[in-house]
Amino acid sequence: MSLAAPADPLRSGAVLADLLPATGRTRAVLRDAALVLGGAALTGLSAQLSVPVPGSPVPVTGQTFAALLVGTALGASRGSASMALYLLAGMAGVPWFAGGSSGTGATFGYVIGFVLAGALVGALARRGADRSPLRTAVAMVLGNAAIYAVGVSYLAVSLHVSLAKAADLGMYPYLVGDALKIALATGLLPAAWKLIGRRG
């Protein structure tokens, strides 16, 4: 029998969601299921903050920011599961993609990218990437890059245009907005850890 003290979640590679109490396996499963569902719902709700961009099929929305926050706060497995649920439910007809849409339109690649990004930023958060502004910024940039890698490629195939043209349509006009979202995340996530540390 080990007499070692339990690991401090503030130092042991935990993500924010791990700090929610769940005594027993059943309660932990229920907690994780609620987090996965809640993350998908938050992303769907954020997608309704949608502003059309003239000349582009890709609107400005809040869903990218929500997807990255969900992945970071939930960790890789729950974050990617949450984004997968968001994707599959939208494919099945739940109208919670941008502007209340569903299915697999030209911008569907970005939603696929959310699953990859959720896993990536969640894995980075396990390594403490959400605990300082600089590391949070790096994680968010990498997560955004993953979303664009899939989203722009899918857009090019869907619209039958070159990757360069797809980037003109679906990436470059959004970089300033992404920088603002990253700046917001770099304030929110480390601040949440500081607050938790003070209460602990």
Protein backbone atom coordinates (compact mmCIF):
# COMPACT_ATOMS: atom_id res chain seq x y z
CA MET A 1 0.00 0.00 0.00
CA SER A 2 1.45 3.35 -1.05
CA LEU A 3 1.60 6.12 1.52
CA ALA A 4 2.44 8.76 -1.08
CA ALA A 5 0.32 11.88 -0.98
CA PRO A 6 -2.13 12.30 -3.86
CA ALA A 7 -0.87 14.42 -6.71
CA ASP A 8 -1.72 18.10 -6.56
CA PRO A 9 -4.02 18.73 -9.56
CA LEU A 10 -2.59 22.24 -9.85
CA ARG A 11 0.82 20.74 -10.61
CA SER A 12 0.20 17.25 -11.95
CA GLY A 13 -0.77 17.90 -15.57
CA ALA A 14 -4.48 18.36 -14.94
CA VAL A 15 -6.75 20.37 -17.18
CA LEU A 16 -9.43 22.65 -15.82
CA ALA A 17 -12.20 20.06 -16.17
CA ASP A 18 -10.26 17.62 -13.96
CA LEU A 19 -10.83 19.93 -11.02
CA LEU A 20 -14.57 19.29 -11.06
CA PRO A 21 -15.27 16.78 -8.27
CA ALA A 22 -16.50 13.29 -9.16
CA THR A 23 -16.31 10.60 -6.50
CA GLY A 24 -16.56 7.11 -7.95
CA ARG A 25 -16.38 5.77 -11.47
CA THR A 26 -20.06 6.25 -12.30
CA ARG A 27 -20.05 9.89 -11.29
CA ALA A 28 -16.83 10.47 -13.22
CA VAL A 29 -18.40 8.99 -16.36
CA LEU A 30 -21.51 11.13 -15.91
CA ARG A 31 -19.37 14.21 -15.34
CA ASP A 32 -17.34 13.54 -18.47
CA ALA A 33 -20.47 12.91 -20.54
CA ALA A 34 -21.95 16.20 -19.33
CA LEU A 35 -18.72 18.02 -20.17
CA VAL A 36 -18.61 16.53 -23.67
CA LEU A 37 -22.24 17.44 -24.32
CA GLY A 38 -21.81 20.89 -22.78
CA GLY A 39 -18.74 21.60 -24.89
CA ALA A 40 -20.58 20.65 -28.07
CA ALA A 41 -23.56 22.79 -27.07
CA LEU A 42 -21.33 25.77 -26.28
CA THR A 43 -19.67 25.47 -29.69
CA GLY A 44 -23.07 25.23 -31.38
CA LEU A 45 -24.32 28.27 -29.50
CA SER A 46 -21.17 30.23 -30.38
CA ALA A 47 -21.62 29.31 -34.04
CA GLN A 48 -24.83 31.35 -34.07
CA LEU A 49 -22.75 34.49 -33.61
CA SER A 50 -22.26 34.56 -37.35
CA VAL A 51 -21.36 37.53 -39.55
CA PRO A 52 -21.18 37.01 -43.35
CA VAL A 53 -17.99 38.07 -45.11
CA PRO A 54 -18.59 39.58 -48.58
CA GLY A 55 -17.11 37.41 -51.31
CA SER A 56 -16.46 34.43 -49.04
CA PRO A 57 -18.59 31.43 -48.09
CA VAL A 58 -16.93 31.42 -44.65
CA PRO A 59 -18.60 33.68 -42.05
CA VAL A 60 -16.96 35.13 -38.97
CA THR A 61 -18.28 33.14 -36.00
CA GLY A 62 -17.53 32.43 -32.37
CA GLN A 63 -17.29 28.69 -32.87
CA THR A 64 -13.53 28.52 -33.48
CA PHE A 65 -12.87 30.31 -30.20
CA ALA A 66 -15.33 28.05 -28.39
CA ALA A 67 -13.83 24.89 -29.91
CA LEU A 68 -10.33 25.85 -28.79
CA LEU A 69 -11.50 26.76 -25.29
CA VAL A 70 -13.41 23.49 -24.99
CA GLY A 71 -10.42 21.44 -26.11
CA THR A 72 -8.09 23.25 -23.71
CA ALA A 73 -10.42 23.07 -20.71
CA LEU A 74 -11.54 19.46 -21.23
CA GLY A 75 -8.28 17.85 -22.35
CA ALA A 76 -7.52 15.86 -25.47
CA SER A 77 -9.93 12.93 -25.13
CA ARG A 78 -12.97 14.83 -23.87
CA GLY A 79 -12.23 17.85 -26.05
CA SER A 80 -11.98 15.85 -29.26
CA ALA A 81 -15.03 13.79 -28.24
CA SER A 82 -17.00 16.99 -27.70
CA MET A 83 -16.04 18.30 -31.12
CA ALA A 84 -16.79 14.92 -32.70
CA LEU A 85 -20.26 15.05 -31.12
CA TYR A 86 -20.72 18.57 -32.49
CA LEU A 87 -19.69 17.35 -35.96
CA LEU A 88 -21.81 14.18 -35.98
CA ALA A 89 -24.92 15.86 -34.60
CA GLY A 90 -24.61 18.60 -37.23
CA MET A 91 -24.24 15.99 -39.96
CA ALA A 92 -27.36 14.30 -38.61
CA GLY A 93 -29.35 17.51 -38.95
CA VAL A 94 -28.97 19.45 -35.69
CA PRO A 95 -28.97 23.08 -36.91
CA TRP A 96 -26.05 24.29 -34.82
CA PHE A 97 -23.37 24.97 -37.41
CA ALA A 98 -22.76 28.59 -38.43
CA GLY A 99 -25.97 30.49 -38.97
CA GLY A 100 -28.18 27.59 -37.90
CA SER A 101 -27.06 25.29 -40.70
CA SER A 102 -26.29 21.57 -40.68
CA GLY A 103 -24.90 18.98 -43.05
CA THR A 104 -21.66 19.08 -45.03
CA GLY A 105 -21.33 22.32 -46.97
CA ALA A 106 -18.20 24.05 -48.23
CA THR A 107 -17.17 25.09 -44.72
CA PHE A 108 -17.54 21.62 -43.21
CA GLY A 109 -13.76 21.14 -43.24
CA TYR A 110 -13.42 23.69 -40.46
CA VAL A 111 -15.72 21.58 -38.29
CA ILE A 112 -13.57 18.52 -39.01
CA GLY A 113 -10.60 20.65 -38.01
CA PHE A 114 -12.24 21.33 -34.65
CA VAL A 115 -11.87 17.65 -33.75
CA LEU A 116 -8.16 17.71 -34.55
CA ALA A 117 -7.66 21.03 -32.79
CA GLY A 118 -9.53 19.84 -29.71
CA ALA A 119 -7.18 16.90 -29.39
CA LEU A 120 -4.10 19.06 -30.02
CA VAL A 121 -4.80 21.91 -27.60
CA GLY A 122 -6.12 19.44 -25.03
CA ALA A 123 -2.86 17.48 -25.17
CA LEU A 124 -0.88 20.71 -24.87
CA ALA A 125 -2.99 21.78 -21.89
CA ARG A 126 -2.03 18.52 -20.15
CA ARG A 127 1.54 19.79 -20.42
CA GLY A 128 0.68 23.14 -18.87
CA ALA A 129 0.17 25.12 -22.05
CA ASP A 130 -2.85 26.92 -20.61
CA ARG A 131 -1.12 28.23 -17.48
CA SER A 132 0.86 31.16 -18.83
CA PRO A 133 -0.06 33.76 -21.46
CA LEU A 134 2.81 32.89 -23.79
CA ARG A 135 2.22 29.15 -23.75
CA THR A 136 -1.53 29.67 -24.10
CA ALA A 137 -0.93 31.87 -27.14
CA VAL A 138 1.29 29.21 -28.72
CA ALA A 139 -1.33 26.50 -28.10
CA MET A 140 -4.09 28.64 -29.60
CA VAL A 141 -1.99 29.44 -32.67
CA LEU A 142 -1.28 25.75 -33.22
CA GLY A 143 -4.95 24.89 -32.74
CA ASN A 144 -5.97 27.56 -35.25
CA ALA A 145 -3.38 26.24 -37.69
CA ALA A 146 -4.87 22.75 -37.42
CA ILE A 147 -8.35 24.10 -38.14
CA TYR A 148 -7.14 26.06 -41.15
CA ALA A 149 -5.12 23.13 -42.49
CA VAL A 150 -8.26 21.02 -42.77
CA GLY A 151 -10.75 23.80 -43.42
CA VAL A 152 -8.90 25.49 -46.26
CA SER A 153 -8.05 22.17 -47.91
CA TYR A 154 -11.69 21.07 -47.76
CA LEU A 155 -12.81 24.46 -49.07
CA ALA A 156 -10.45 24.16 -52.05
CA VAL A 157 -11.82 20.72 -52.95
CA SER A 158 -15.43 21.75 -52.37
CA LEU A 159 -15.21 24.90 -54.50
CA HIS A 160 -12.80 23.41 -57.08
CA VAL A 161 -10.24 26.15 -56.54
CA SER A 162 -6.53 26.18 -55.73
CA LEU A 163 -5.25 26.11 -52.15
CA ALA A 164 -4.01 29.67 -52.62
CA LYS A 165 -7.47 30.83 -53.69
CA ALA A 166 -9.07 28.91 -50.82
CA ALA A 167 -6.70 30.62 -48.40
CA ASP A 168 -7.72 33.98 -49.84
CA LEU A 169 -11.36 33.06 -49.27
CA GLY A 170 -11.17 31.18 -46.00
CA MET A 171 -8.07 32.17 -44.02
CA TYR A 172 -6.45 35.55 -44.66
CA PRO A 173 -9.57 37.67 -43.99
CA TYR A 174 -9.89 36.08 -40.54
CA LEU A 175 -6.37 36.35 -39.14
CA VAL A 176 -6.93 39.66 -37.36
CA GLY A 177 -10.05 38.30 -35.68
CA ASP A 178 -8.16 35.15 -34.71
CA ALA A 179 -5.44 37.28 -33.14
CA LEU A 180 -8.08 39.01 -30.99
CA LYS A 181 -9.55 35.65 -29.94
CA ILE A 182 -6.10 34.37 -29.05
CA ALA A 183 -5.45 37.49 -26.99
CA LEU A 184 -8.70 36.87 -25.11
CA ALA A 185 -7.78 33.23 -24.46
CA THR A 186 -4.33 34.21 -23.19
CA GLY A 187 -6.07 36.31 -20.57
CA LEU A 188 -8.87 33.92 -19.61
CA LEU A 189 -7.13 30.57 -19.21
CA PRO A 190 -4.09 31.55 -17.12
CA ALA A 191 -6.35 33.80 -15.02
CA ALA A 192 -8.63 30.84 -14.30
CA TRP A 193 -5.65 28.81 -13.03
CA LYS A 194 -4.48 31.70 -10.86
CA LEU A 195 -7.93 32.05 -9.36
CA ILE A 196 -8.11 28.33 -8.63
CA GLY A 197 -4.64 28.41 -7.08
CA ARG A 198 -5.65 31.21 -4.75
CA ARG A 199 -8.79 29.40 -3.65
CA GLY A 200 -6.81 26.20 -3.15
